[in-house]
């Protein structure tokens, strides 16, 4: 019996080694599985963060685009309103394009300046400040020419009535003695 007990048991010795190998194999597989789960979790967290960033960026860009669209609509309405006003002005002034309209507006501005200067000259004549009135009228003649102011030029600046008033003022400043000669 001793021989039976002393005899090597081929299955018995390999069994504990195979159990150890199997345990290490299972532990190794379990560790690999845990590592894969951990890597998967980290990848999922990263992708969630990136997705949130992209969602925020998209919503920001969407709201910026909506704001830009709203501003474009406001600007478009403003352009339409200004076009209507421009067309009305062109009808009122009898012009056909914007260059003619600009020329008409410039002429109106010049008329306004001339009429103001004429009013000031008249007040100076009424106050017996003849030299100042003459200087003011001479400045108008220098800037706009006598022909444009008295209505004899092709591109007369003033209407017939205003041109007649200018001519009267011009003659008054030439006839009335100045302050210096009166003293």
N, C-alpha and C. Protein backbone atom coordinates (compact mmCIF):
# COMPACT_ATOMS: atom_id res chain seq x y z
N UNK A 1 0.78 -1.16 0.00
CA UNK A 1 0.00 0.00 0.00
C UNK A 1 0.84 1.24 0.00
N UNK A 2 1.91 1.04 0.58
CA UNK A 2 2.82 2.16 0.58
C UNK A 2 3.25 2.50 -0.81
N UNK A 3 3.36 1.51 -1.56
CA UNK A 3 3.77 1.74 -2.92
C UNK A 3 2.69 2.52 -3.65
N UNK A 4 1.49 2.23 -3.31
CA UNK A 4 0.42 2.94 -3.96
C UNK A 4 0.43 4.39 -3.51
N UNK A 5 0.72 4.57 -2.19
CA UNK A 5 0.74 5.93 -1.66
C UNK A 5 1.97 6.67 -2.16
N UNK A 6 3.09 5.98 -2.28
CA UNK A 6 4.32 6.62 -2.72
C UNK A 6 4.34 6.83 -4.23
N UNK A 7 3.52 6.16 -4.88
CA UNK A 7 3.51 6.28 -6.34
C UNK A 7 3.02 7.67 -6.72
N UNK A 8 3.65 8.22 -7.68
CA UNK A 8 3.24 9.58 -8.09
C UNK A 8 1.83 9.55 -8.67
N UNK A 9 1.14 10.54 -8.30
CA UNK A 9 -0.22 10.69 -8.82
C UNK A 9 -0.18 11.79 -9.87
N UNK A 10 -0.21 11.37 -11.07
CA UNK A 10 -0.08 12.38 -12.13
C UNK A 10 -1.25 13.35 -12.14
N UNK A 11 -2.40 12.91 -11.89
CA UNK A 11 -3.56 13.81 -11.93
C UNK A 11 -3.58 14.68 -10.71
N UNK A 12 -3.15 14.21 -9.58
CA UNK A 12 -3.23 14.95 -8.33
C UNK A 12 -2.31 16.15 -8.30
N UNK A 13 -1.10 16.04 -8.80
CA UNK A 13 -0.16 17.15 -8.76
C UNK A 13 -0.50 18.19 -9.81
N UNK A 14 -0.98 17.77 -10.90
CA UNK A 14 -1.34 18.72 -11.95
C UNK A 14 -2.61 19.45 -11.59
N UNK A 15 -3.42 18.85 -10.80
CA UNK A 15 -4.69 19.46 -10.44
C UNK A 15 -4.47 20.73 -9.61
N UNK A 16 -3.60 20.72 -8.57
CA UNK A 16 -3.40 21.97 -7.85
C UNK A 16 -2.74 23.02 -8.74
N UNK A 17 -1.82 22.61 -9.61
CA UNK A 17 -1.20 23.58 -10.50
C UNK A 17 -2.23 24.13 -11.47
N UNK A 18 -3.06 23.30 -11.99
CA UNK A 18 -4.07 23.79 -12.92
C UNK A 18 -5.09 24.66 -12.20
N UNK A 19 -5.37 24.38 -10.93
CA UNK A 19 -6.27 25.23 -10.16
C UNK A 19 -5.62 26.60 -9.95
N UNK A 20 -4.30 26.60 -9.62
CA UNK A 20 -3.59 27.87 -9.45
C UNK A 20 -3.58 28.65 -10.77
N UNK A 21 -3.30 27.92 -11.83
CA UNK A 21 -3.29 28.57 -13.15
C UNK A 21 -4.68 29.11 -13.48
N UNK A 22 -5.69 28.33 -13.19
CA UNK A 22 -7.07 28.74 -13.45
C UNK A 22 -7.44 29.94 -12.60
N UNK A 23 -7.02 29.98 -11.33
CA UNK A 23 -7.29 31.11 -10.45
C UNK A 23 -6.61 32.37 -11.00
N UNK A 24 -5.31 32.25 -11.36
CA UNK A 24 -4.61 33.41 -11.93
C UNK A 24 -5.25 33.85 -13.25
N UNK A 25 -5.66 32.88 -14.02
CA UNK A 25 -6.32 33.18 -15.30
C UNK A 25 -7.63 33.93 -15.07
N UNK A 26 -8.42 33.47 -14.12
CA UNK A 26 -9.70 34.14 -13.80
C UNK A 26 -9.44 35.52 -13.23
N UNK A 27 -8.47 35.63 -12.34
CA UNK A 27 -8.13 36.94 -11.76
C UNK A 27 -7.62 37.88 -12.86
N UNK A 28 -6.80 37.34 -13.74
CA UNK A 28 -6.29 38.16 -14.86
C UNK A 28 -7.42 38.62 -15.76
N UNK A 29 -8.31 37.70 -16.09
CA UNK A 29 -9.46 38.10 -16.92
C UNK A 29 -10.33 39.12 -16.21
N UNK A 30 -10.52 38.93 -14.91
CA UNK A 30 -11.31 39.88 -14.12
C UNK A 30 -10.65 41.26 -14.12
N UNK A 31 -9.33 41.29 -13.96
CA UNK A 31 -8.59 42.57 -13.98
C UNK A 31 -8.68 43.23 -15.35
N UNK A 32 -8.55 42.42 -16.39
CA UNK A 32 -8.67 42.97 -17.75
C UNK A 32 -10.08 43.52 -17.96
N UNK A 33 -11.08 42.77 -17.47
CA UNK A 33 -12.46 43.23 -17.60
C UNK A 33 -12.66 44.54 -16.85
N UNK A 34 -12.12 44.62 -15.62
CA UNK A 34 -12.23 45.87 -14.84
C UNK A 34 -11.52 47.02 -15.56
N UNK A 35 -10.34 46.74 -16.11
CA UNK A 35 -9.60 47.78 -16.83
C UNK A 35 -10.39 48.24 -18.05
N UNK A 36 -10.99 47.32 -18.77
CA UNK A 36 -11.80 47.70 -19.93
C UNK A 36 -13.04 48.49 -19.51
N UNK A 37 -13.65 48.10 -18.42
CA UNK A 37 -14.81 48.83 -17.91
C UNK A 37 -14.39 50.24 -17.51
N UNK A 38 -13.24 50.35 -16.82
CA UNK A 38 -12.73 51.66 -16.41
C UNK A 38 -12.41 52.52 -17.63
N UNK A 39 -11.74 51.96 -18.62
CA UNK A 39 -11.42 52.71 -19.84
C UNK A 39 -12.70 53.12 -20.56
N UNK A 40 -13.66 52.24 -20.60
CA UNK A 40 -14.94 52.56 -21.24
C UNK A 40 -15.64 53.70 -20.50
N UNK A 41 -15.60 53.66 -19.16
CA UNK A 41 -16.21 54.71 -18.37
C UNK A 41 -15.52 56.05 -18.62
N UNK A 42 -14.19 56.05 -18.63
CA UNK A 42 -13.43 57.29 -18.87
C UNK A 42 -13.73 57.82 -20.26
N UNK A 43 -13.78 56.93 -21.25
CA UNK A 43 -14.09 57.37 -22.61
C UNK A 43 -15.51 57.94 -22.68
N UNK A 44 -16.44 57.32 -21.97
CA UNK A 44 -17.82 57.81 -21.95
C UNK A 44 -17.91 59.19 -21.29
N UNK A 45 -17.19 59.38 -20.18
CA UNK A 45 -17.18 60.67 -19.49
C UNK A 45 -16.60 61.74 -20.41
N UNK A 46 -15.50 61.42 -21.07
CA UNK A 46 -14.89 62.39 -21.99
C UNK A 46 -15.84 62.74 -23.13
N UNK A 47 -16.46 61.73 -23.69
CA UNK A 47 -17.38 62.01 -24.81
C UNK A 47 -18.60 62.80 -24.33
N UNK A 48 -19.07 62.54 -23.10
CA UNK A 48 -20.18 63.33 -22.56
C UNK A 48 -19.77 64.79 -22.37
N UNK A 49 -18.57 65.00 -21.84
CA UNK A 49 -18.09 66.38 -21.66
C UNK A 49 -17.97 67.08 -23.02
N UNK A 50 -17.38 66.39 -23.98
CA UNK A 50 -17.22 66.97 -25.32
C UNK A 50 -18.57 67.26 -25.95
N UNK A 51 -19.51 66.33 -25.76
CA UNK A 51 -20.86 66.53 -26.28
C UNK A 51 -21.52 67.75 -25.64
N UNK A 52 -21.35 67.91 -24.32
CA UNK A 52 -21.89 69.08 -23.63
C UNK A 52 -21.26 70.37 -24.15
N UNK A 53 -19.93 70.34 -24.35
CA UNK A 53 -19.24 71.52 -24.89
C UNK A 53 -19.76 71.86 -26.28
N UNK A 54 -19.90 70.84 -27.12
CA UNK A 54 -20.39 71.08 -28.47
C UNK A 54 -21.84 71.55 -28.47
N UNK A 55 -22.64 71.01 -27.54
CA UNK A 55 -24.03 71.46 -27.42
C UNK A 55 -24.09 72.92 -27.00
N UNK A 56 -23.26 73.29 -26.02
CA UNK A 56 -23.21 74.69 -25.58
C UNK A 56 -22.74 75.60 -26.72
N UNK A 57 -21.72 75.15 -27.44
CA UNK A 57 -21.19 75.93 -28.55
C UNK A 57 -22.26 76.08 -29.63
N UNK A 58 -22.97 75.01 -29.91
CA UNK A 58 -24.02 75.06 -30.92
C UNK A 58 -25.15 75.99 -30.49
N UNK A 59 -25.53 75.93 -29.23
CA UNK A 59 -26.60 76.83 -28.77
C UNK A 59 -26.14 78.28 -28.80
N UNK A 60 -24.87 78.52 -28.47
CA UNK A 60 -24.33 79.88 -28.54
C UNK A 60 -24.32 80.38 -29.98
N UNK A 61 -23.88 79.52 -30.89
CA UNK A 61 -23.85 79.91 -32.30
C UNK A 61 -25.26 80.08 -32.84
N UNK A 62 -26.17 79.26 -32.39
CA UNK A 62 -27.56 79.37 -32.84
C UNK A 62 -28.16 80.69 -32.37
N UNK A 63 -27.94 81.02 -31.10
CA UNK A 63 -28.49 82.28 -30.61
C UNK A 63 -27.79 83.47 -31.27
N UNK A 64 -26.50 83.34 -31.56
CA UNK A 64 -25.80 84.42 -32.27
C UNK A 64 -26.37 84.57 -33.68
N UNK A 65 -26.64 83.45 -34.32
CA UNK A 65 -27.21 83.50 -35.67
C UNK A 65 -28.62 84.09 -35.64
N UNK A 66 -29.39 83.73 -34.62
CA UNK A 66 -30.74 84.30 -34.49
C UNK A 66 -30.65 85.81 -34.27
N UNK A 67 -29.71 86.22 -33.42
CA UNK A 67 -29.51 87.65 -33.19
C UNK A 67 -29.09 88.37 -34.46
N UNK A 68 -28.20 87.74 -35.21
CA UNK A 68 -27.75 88.34 -36.47
C UNK A 68 -28.91 88.42 -37.46
N UNK A 69 -29.73 87.38 -37.51
CA UNK A 69 -30.90 87.41 -38.39
C UNK A 69 -31.86 88.52 -37.99
N UNK A 70 -32.05 88.70 -36.69
CA UNK A 70 -32.93 89.77 -36.21
C UNK A 70 -32.36 91.14 -36.61
N UNK A 71 -31.04 91.30 -36.45
CA UNK A 71 -30.43 92.58 -36.84
C UNK A 71 -30.53 92.80 -38.34
N UNK A 72 -30.38 91.73 -39.11
CA UNK A 72 -30.51 91.86 -40.57
C UNK A 72 -31.92 92.28 -40.93
N UNK A 73 -32.92 91.72 -40.26
CA UNK A 73 -34.30 92.11 -40.54
C UNK A 73 -34.54 93.57 -40.18
N UNK A 74 -33.99 94.00 -39.04
CA UNK A 74 -34.15 95.41 -38.64
C UNK A 74 -33.47 96.32 -39.66
N UNK A 75 -32.25 95.94 -40.08
CA UNK A 75 -31.55 96.74 -41.08
C UNK A 75 -32.30 96.76 -42.41
N UNK A 76 -32.87 95.62 -42.77
CA UNK A 76 -33.62 95.54 -44.02
C UNK A 76 -34.85 96.45 -43.96
N UNK A 77 -35.54 96.46 -42.83
CA UNK A 77 -36.68 97.36 -42.67
C UNK A 77 -36.23 98.81 -42.74
N UNK A 78 -35.10 99.10 -42.11
CA UNK A 78 -34.57 100.46 -42.13
C UNK A 78 -34.23 100.89 -43.56
N UNK A 79 -33.61 99.98 -44.31
CA UNK A 79 -33.27 100.28 -45.71
C UNK A 79 -34.54 100.53 -46.52
N UNK A 80 -35.55 99.71 -46.29
CA UNK A 80 -36.82 99.88 -47.02
C UNK A 80 -37.45 101.23 -46.69
N UNK A 81 -37.44 101.61 -45.40
CA UNK A 81 -37.99 102.90 -45.00
C UNK A 81 -37.20 104.05 -45.62
N UNK A 82 -35.89 103.94 -45.60
CA UNK A 82 -35.05 105.00 -46.16
C UNK A 82 -35.24 105.08 -47.67
N UNK A 83 -35.44 103.95 -48.31
CA UNK A 83 -35.70 103.95 -49.75
C UNK A 83 -37.01 104.67 -50.05
N UNK A 84 -38.02 104.41 -49.23
CA UNK A 84 -39.31 105.11 -49.41
C UNK A 84 -39.13 106.62 -49.25
N UNK A 85 -38.40 107.02 -48.20
CA UNK A 85 -38.16 108.44 -47.97
C UNK A 85 -37.38 109.04 -49.12
N UNK A 86 -36.37 108.33 -49.60
CA UNK A 86 -35.56 108.79 -50.72
C UNK A 86 -36.43 108.96 -51.97
N UNK A 87 -37.29 107.99 -52.21
CA UNK A 87 -38.19 108.10 -53.38
C UNK A 87 -39.14 109.28 -53.24
N UNK A 88 -39.65 109.51 -52.03
CA UNK A 88 -40.53 110.67 -51.81
C UNK A 88 -39.77 111.97 -52.04
N UNK A 89 -38.55 112.04 -51.54
CA UNK A 89 -37.74 113.25 -51.76
C UNK A 89 -37.45 113.46 -53.23
N UNK A 90 -37.18 112.37 -53.93
CA UNK A 90 -36.91 112.49 -55.36
C UNK A 90 -38.16 112.98 -56.10
N UNK A 91 -39.34 112.52 -55.68
CA UNK A 91 -40.58 113.00 -56.30
C UNK A 91 -40.81 114.47 -55.99
N UNK A 92 -40.56 114.87 -54.73
CA UNK A 92 -40.78 116.25 -54.33
C UNK A 92 -39.83 117.21 -55.04
N UNK A 93 -38.59 116.78 -55.25
CA UNK A 93 -37.63 117.67 -55.89
C UNK A 93 -37.61 117.51 -57.40
N UNK A 94 -38.33 116.53 -57.91
CA UNK A 94 -38.38 116.32 -59.36
C UNK A 94 -37.09 115.75 -59.92
N UNK A 95 -36.35 115.03 -59.12
CA UNK A 95 -35.10 114.43 -59.57
C UNK A 95 -35.32 112.96 -59.91
N UNK A 96 -34.41 112.44 -60.75
CA UNK A 96 -34.57 111.06 -61.19
C UNK A 96 -33.56 110.10 -60.57
N UNK A 97 -32.45 110.62 -60.05
CA UNK A 97 -31.48 109.73 -59.41
C UNK A 97 -30.89 110.43 -58.19
N UNK A 98 -30.10 109.69 -57.46
CA UNK A 98 -29.58 110.22 -56.20
C UNK A 98 -28.58 111.35 -56.42
N UNK A 99 -27.85 111.33 -57.52
CA UNK A 99 -26.91 112.43 -57.77
C UNK A 99 -27.65 113.74 -57.94
N UNK A 100 -28.74 113.70 -58.70
CA UNK A 100 -29.54 114.91 -58.87
C UNK A 100 -30.16 115.34 -57.55
N UNK A 101 -30.59 114.36 -56.74
CA UNK A 101 -31.16 114.67 -55.44
C UNK A 101 -30.13 115.33 -54.54
N UNK A 102 -28.91 114.80 -54.54
CA UNK A 102 -27.84 115.40 -53.74
C UNK A 102 -27.55 116.83 -54.18
N UNK A 103 -27.56 117.05 -55.49
CA UNK A 103 -27.34 118.41 -56.01
C UNK A 103 -28.47 119.33 -55.55
N UNK A 104 -29.71 118.82 -55.57
CA UNK A 104 -30.86 119.63 -55.14
C UNK A 104 -30.77 119.94 -53.65
N UNK A 105 -30.34 118.97 -52.86
CA UNK A 105 -30.20 119.19 -51.42
C UNK A 105 -29.09 120.20 -51.15
N UNK A 106 -28.00 120.09 -51.91
CA UNK A 106 -26.90 121.05 -51.74
C UNK A 106 -27.37 122.46 -52.12
N UNK A 107 -28.16 122.56 -53.17
CA UNK A 107 -28.68 123.86 -53.59
C UNK A 107 -29.60 124.43 -52.51
N UNK A 108 -30.44 123.59 -51.93
CA UNK A 108 -31.31 124.04 -50.85
C UNK A 108 -30.50 124.51 -49.64
N UNK A 109 -29.42 123.79 -49.34
CA UNK A 109 -28.56 124.19 -48.24
C UNK A 109 -27.91 125.55 -48.53
N UNK A 110 -27.45 125.72 -49.75
CA UNK A 110 -26.86 127.01 -50.13
C UNK A 110 -27.90 128.12 -50.06
N UNK A 111 -29.12 127.84 -50.52
CA UNK A 111 -30.19 128.83 -50.44
C UNK A 111 -30.45 129.23 -49.00
N UNK A 112 -30.46 128.26 -48.12
CA UNK A 112 -30.69 128.52 -46.70
C UNK A 112 -29.61 129.45 -46.15
N UNK A 113 -28.34 129.16 -46.50
CA UNK A 113 -27.23 130.00 -46.03
C UNK A 113 -27.35 131.43 -46.57
N UNK A 114 -27.68 131.53 -47.86
CA UNK A 114 -27.79 132.86 -48.49
C UNK A 114 -28.93 133.64 -47.86
N UNK A 115 -30.07 133.00 -47.66
CA UNK A 115 -31.22 133.69 -47.06
C UNK A 115 -30.91 134.13 -45.63
N UNK A 116 -30.18 133.31 -44.89
CA UNK A 116 -29.78 133.70 -43.54
C UNK A 116 -28.87 134.93 -43.60
N UNK A 117 -27.88 134.88 -44.49
CA UNK A 117 -26.95 136.01 -44.61
C UNK A 117 -27.68 137.27 -45.06
N UNK A 118 -28.66 137.11 -45.97
CA UNK A 118 -29.44 138.26 -46.41
C UNK A 118 -30.24 138.86 -45.25
N UNK A 119 -30.82 138.00 -44.42
CA UNK A 119 -31.58 138.47 -43.26
C UNK A 119 -30.67 139.22 -42.30
N UNK A 120 -29.49 138.67 -42.06
CA UNK A 120 -28.54 139.33 -41.16
C UNK A 120 -28.09 140.68 -41.74
N UNK A 121 -27.87 140.73 -43.05
CA UNK A 121 -27.46 141.98 -43.69
C UNK A 121 -28.57 143.02 -43.56
N UNK A 122 -29.82 142.60 -43.76
CA UNK A 122 -30.96 143.52 -43.62
C UNK A 122 -31.03 144.08 -42.21
N UNK A 123 -30.83 143.20 -41.21
CA UNK A 123 -30.84 143.66 -39.82
C UNK A 123 -29.70 144.64 -39.56
N UNK A 124 -28.53 144.36 -40.13
CA UNK A 124 -27.40 145.27 -39.96
C UNK A 124 -27.68 146.61 -40.62
N UNK A 125 -28.32 146.62 -41.77
CA UNK A 125 -28.68 147.89 -42.41
C UNK A 125 -29.68 148.65 -41.55
N UNK A 126 -30.65 147.94 -40.97
CA UNK A 126 -31.63 148.59 -40.10
C UNK A 126 -30.98 149.18 -38.85
N UNK A 127 -29.87 148.59 -38.41
CA UNK A 127 -29.15 149.08 -37.23
C UNK A 127 -28.04 150.06 -37.61
N UNK A 128 -28.03 150.47 -38.85
CA UNK A 128 -27.02 151.39 -39.38
C UNK A 128 -25.60 150.83 -39.28
N UNK A 129 -25.48 149.53 -39.41
CA UNK A 129 -24.17 148.89 -39.47
C UNK A 129 -23.91 148.58 -40.94
N UNK A 130 -23.74 149.64 -41.69
CA UNK A 130 -23.66 149.52 -43.14
C UNK A 130 -22.39 148.78 -43.60
N UNK A 131 -21.28 149.00 -42.94
CA UNK A 131 -20.03 148.34 -43.33
C UNK A 131 -20.15 146.83 -43.15
N UNK A 132 -20.75 146.40 -42.04
CA UNK A 132 -20.92 144.96 -41.80
C UNK A 132 -21.86 144.35 -42.82
N UNK A 133 -22.94 145.07 -43.15
CA UNK A 133 -23.90 144.57 -44.13
C UNK A 133 -23.23 144.45 -45.50
N UNK A 134 -22.44 145.46 -45.88
CA UNK A 134 -21.75 145.42 -47.17
C UNK A 134 -20.76 144.27 -47.20
N UNK A 135 -20.04 144.07 -46.12
CA UNK A 135 -19.09 142.97 -46.04
C UNK A 135 -19.80 141.61 -46.16
N UNK A 136 -20.95 141.48 -45.52
CA UNK A 136 -21.71 140.24 -45.58
C UNK A 136 -22.20 139.97 -47.01
N UNK A 137 -22.73 140.99 -47.68
CA UNK A 137 -23.22 140.84 -49.06
C UNK A 137 -22.06 140.55 -49.99
N UNK A 138 -20.93 141.24 -49.81
CA UNK A 138 -19.75 140.98 -50.65
C UNK A 138 -19.24 139.55 -50.46
N UNK A 139 -19.34 139.04 -49.25
CA UNK A 139 -18.95 137.64 -48.99
C UNK A 139 -19.84 136.68 -49.76
N UNK A 140 -21.13 136.97 -49.82
CA UNK A 140 -22.05 136.14 -50.59
C UNK A 140 -21.69 136.19 -52.07
N UNK A 141 -21.39 137.38 -52.58
CA UNK A 141 -21.03 137.52 -54.00
C UNK A 141 -19.74 136.75 -54.28
N UNK A 142 -18.80 136.80 -53.36
CA UNK A 142 -17.54 136.08 -53.54
C UNK A 142 -17.79 134.56 -53.57
N UNK A 143 -18.63 134.09 -52.68
CA UNK A 143 -18.87 132.64 -52.60
C UNK A 143 -19.74 132.10 -53.73
N UNK A 144 -20.76 132.86 -54.15
CA UNK A 144 -21.75 132.30 -55.08
C UNK A 144 -21.84 133.01 -56.43
N UNK A 145 -21.19 134.09 -56.62
CA UNK A 145 -21.21 134.98 -57.81
C UNK A 145 -22.51 135.77 -57.85
N UNK A 146 -22.37 136.99 -58.35
CA UNK A 146 -23.49 137.93 -58.42
C UNK A 146 -24.59 137.40 -59.34
N UNK A 147 -24.22 136.76 -60.43
CA UNK A 147 -25.20 136.28 -61.39
C UNK A 147 -26.09 135.17 -60.80
N UNK A 148 -25.50 134.29 -60.02
CA UNK A 148 -26.31 133.23 -59.39
C UNK A 148 -27.22 133.80 -58.32
N UNK A 149 -26.78 134.87 -57.66
CA UNK A 149 -27.57 135.44 -56.57
C UNK A 149 -28.69 136.36 -57.08
N UNK A 150 -28.44 137.08 -58.18
CA UNK A 150 -29.49 137.99 -58.67
C UNK A 150 -30.41 137.34 -59.69
N UNK A 151 -30.17 136.06 -60.00
CA UNK A 151 -31.08 135.29 -60.85
C UNK A 151 -30.80 135.39 -62.33
N UNK A 152 -29.69 135.99 -62.75
CA UNK A 152 -29.41 136.11 -64.18
C UNK A 152 -28.61 134.93 -64.72
N UNK A 153 -28.05 134.11 -63.87
CA UNK A 153 -27.26 132.96 -64.33
C UNK A 153 -28.18 131.79 -64.67
N UNK A 154 -27.67 130.87 -65.49
CA UNK A 154 -28.43 129.67 -65.87
C UNK A 154 -28.75 128.82 -64.65
N UNK A 155 -27.79 128.69 -63.74
CA UNK A 155 -28.00 127.90 -62.51
C UNK A 155 -28.23 128.82 -61.32
N UNK A 156 -29.24 129.68 -61.44
CA UNK A 156 -29.55 130.65 -60.40
C UNK A 156 -29.81 129.92 -59.09
N UNK A 157 -29.34 130.52 -58.02
CA UNK A 157 -29.46 129.91 -56.71
C UNK A 157 -30.78 130.26 -56.04
N UNK A 158 -31.26 131.45 -56.28
CA UNK A 158 -32.46 131.93 -55.59
C UNK A 158 -33.66 131.97 -56.52
N UNK A 159 -34.84 131.94 -55.91
CA UNK A 159 -36.07 132.11 -56.68
C UNK A 159 -36.14 133.57 -57.14
N UNK A 160 -37.08 133.86 -58.02
CA UNK A 160 -37.18 135.24 -58.54
C UNK A 160 -37.42 136.24 -57.42
N UNK A 161 -38.29 135.90 -56.50
CA UNK A 161 -38.60 136.81 -55.39
C UNK A 161 -37.39 137.04 -54.50
N UNK A 162 -36.68 135.95 -54.15
CA UNK A 162 -35.49 136.06 -53.31
C UNK A 162 -34.37 136.78 -54.04
N UNK A 163 -34.25 136.55 -55.36
CA UNK A 163 -33.24 137.23 -56.15
C UNK A 163 -33.51 138.73 -56.19
N UNK A 164 -34.79 139.12 -56.28
CA UNK A 164 -35.14 140.54 -56.27
C UNK A 164 -34.78 141.16 -54.93
N UNK A 165 -35.03 140.44 -53.84
CA UNK A 165 -34.65 140.95 -52.51
C UNK A 165 -33.14 141.09 -52.39
N UNK A 166 -32.40 140.11 -52.94
CA UNK A 166 -30.95 140.20 -52.90
C UNK A 166 -30.47 141.42 -53.69
N UNK A 167 -31.04 141.63 -54.87
CA UNK A 167 -30.64 142.76 -55.70
C UNK A 167 -30.88 144.07 -54.97
N UNK A 168 -32.02 144.17 -54.28
CA UNK A 168 -32.32 145.38 -53.51
C UNK A 168 -31.30 145.57 -52.39
N UNK A 169 -30.97 144.48 -51.68
CA UNK A 169 -29.97 144.57 -50.61
C UNK A 169 -28.60 144.95 -51.17
N UNK A 170 -28.26 144.36 -52.30
CA UNK A 170 -26.98 144.64 -52.93
C UNK A 170 -26.88 146.12 -53.28
N UNK A 171 -27.95 146.67 -53.85
CA UNK A 171 -27.95 148.09 -54.23
C UNK A 171 -27.93 148.97 -53.00
N UNK A 172 -28.62 148.56 -51.94
CA UNK A 172 -28.62 149.36 -50.70
C UNK A 172 -27.22 149.44 -50.12
N UNK A 173 -26.48 148.34 -50.16
CA UNK A 173 -25.14 148.37 -49.58
C UNK A 173 -24.18 149.19 -50.44
N UNK A 174 -24.52 149.41 -51.69
CA UNK A 174 -23.68 150.22 -52.57
C UNK A 174 -24.03 151.71 -52.46
N UNK A 175 -25.30 152.02 -52.19
CA UNK A 175 -25.75 153.42 -52.16
C UNK A 175 -25.58 154.03 -50.78
N UNK A 176 -25.94 153.28 -49.74
CA UNK A 176 -25.92 153.81 -48.38
C UNK A 176 -24.48 154.04 -47.96
N UNK A 177 -24.20 155.21 -47.42
CA UNK A 177 -22.83 155.46 -46.96
C UNK A 177 -22.48 154.51 -45.80
N UNK A 178 -21.24 154.10 -45.77
CA UNK A 178 -20.82 153.20 -44.71
C UNK A 178 -20.61 153.96 -43.42
N UNK A 179 -20.46 153.24 -42.33
CA UNK A 179 -20.27 153.86 -41.00
C UNK A 179 -19.02 154.72 -40.98
N UNK A 180 -18.02 154.29 -41.69
CA UNK A 180 -16.75 155.00 -41.63
C UNK A 180 -16.84 156.35 -42.35
N UNK A 181 -17.58 156.42 -43.44
CA UNK A 181 -17.66 157.70 -44.16
C UNK A 181 -18.67 158.61 -43.47
N UNK A 182 -19.64 158.06 -42.74
CA UNK A 182 -20.62 158.90 -42.05
C UNK A 182 -20.00 159.58 -40.87
N UNK A 183 -19.00 159.01 -40.27
CA UNK A 183 -18.37 159.61 -39.09
C UNK A 183 -17.37 160.55 -39.46
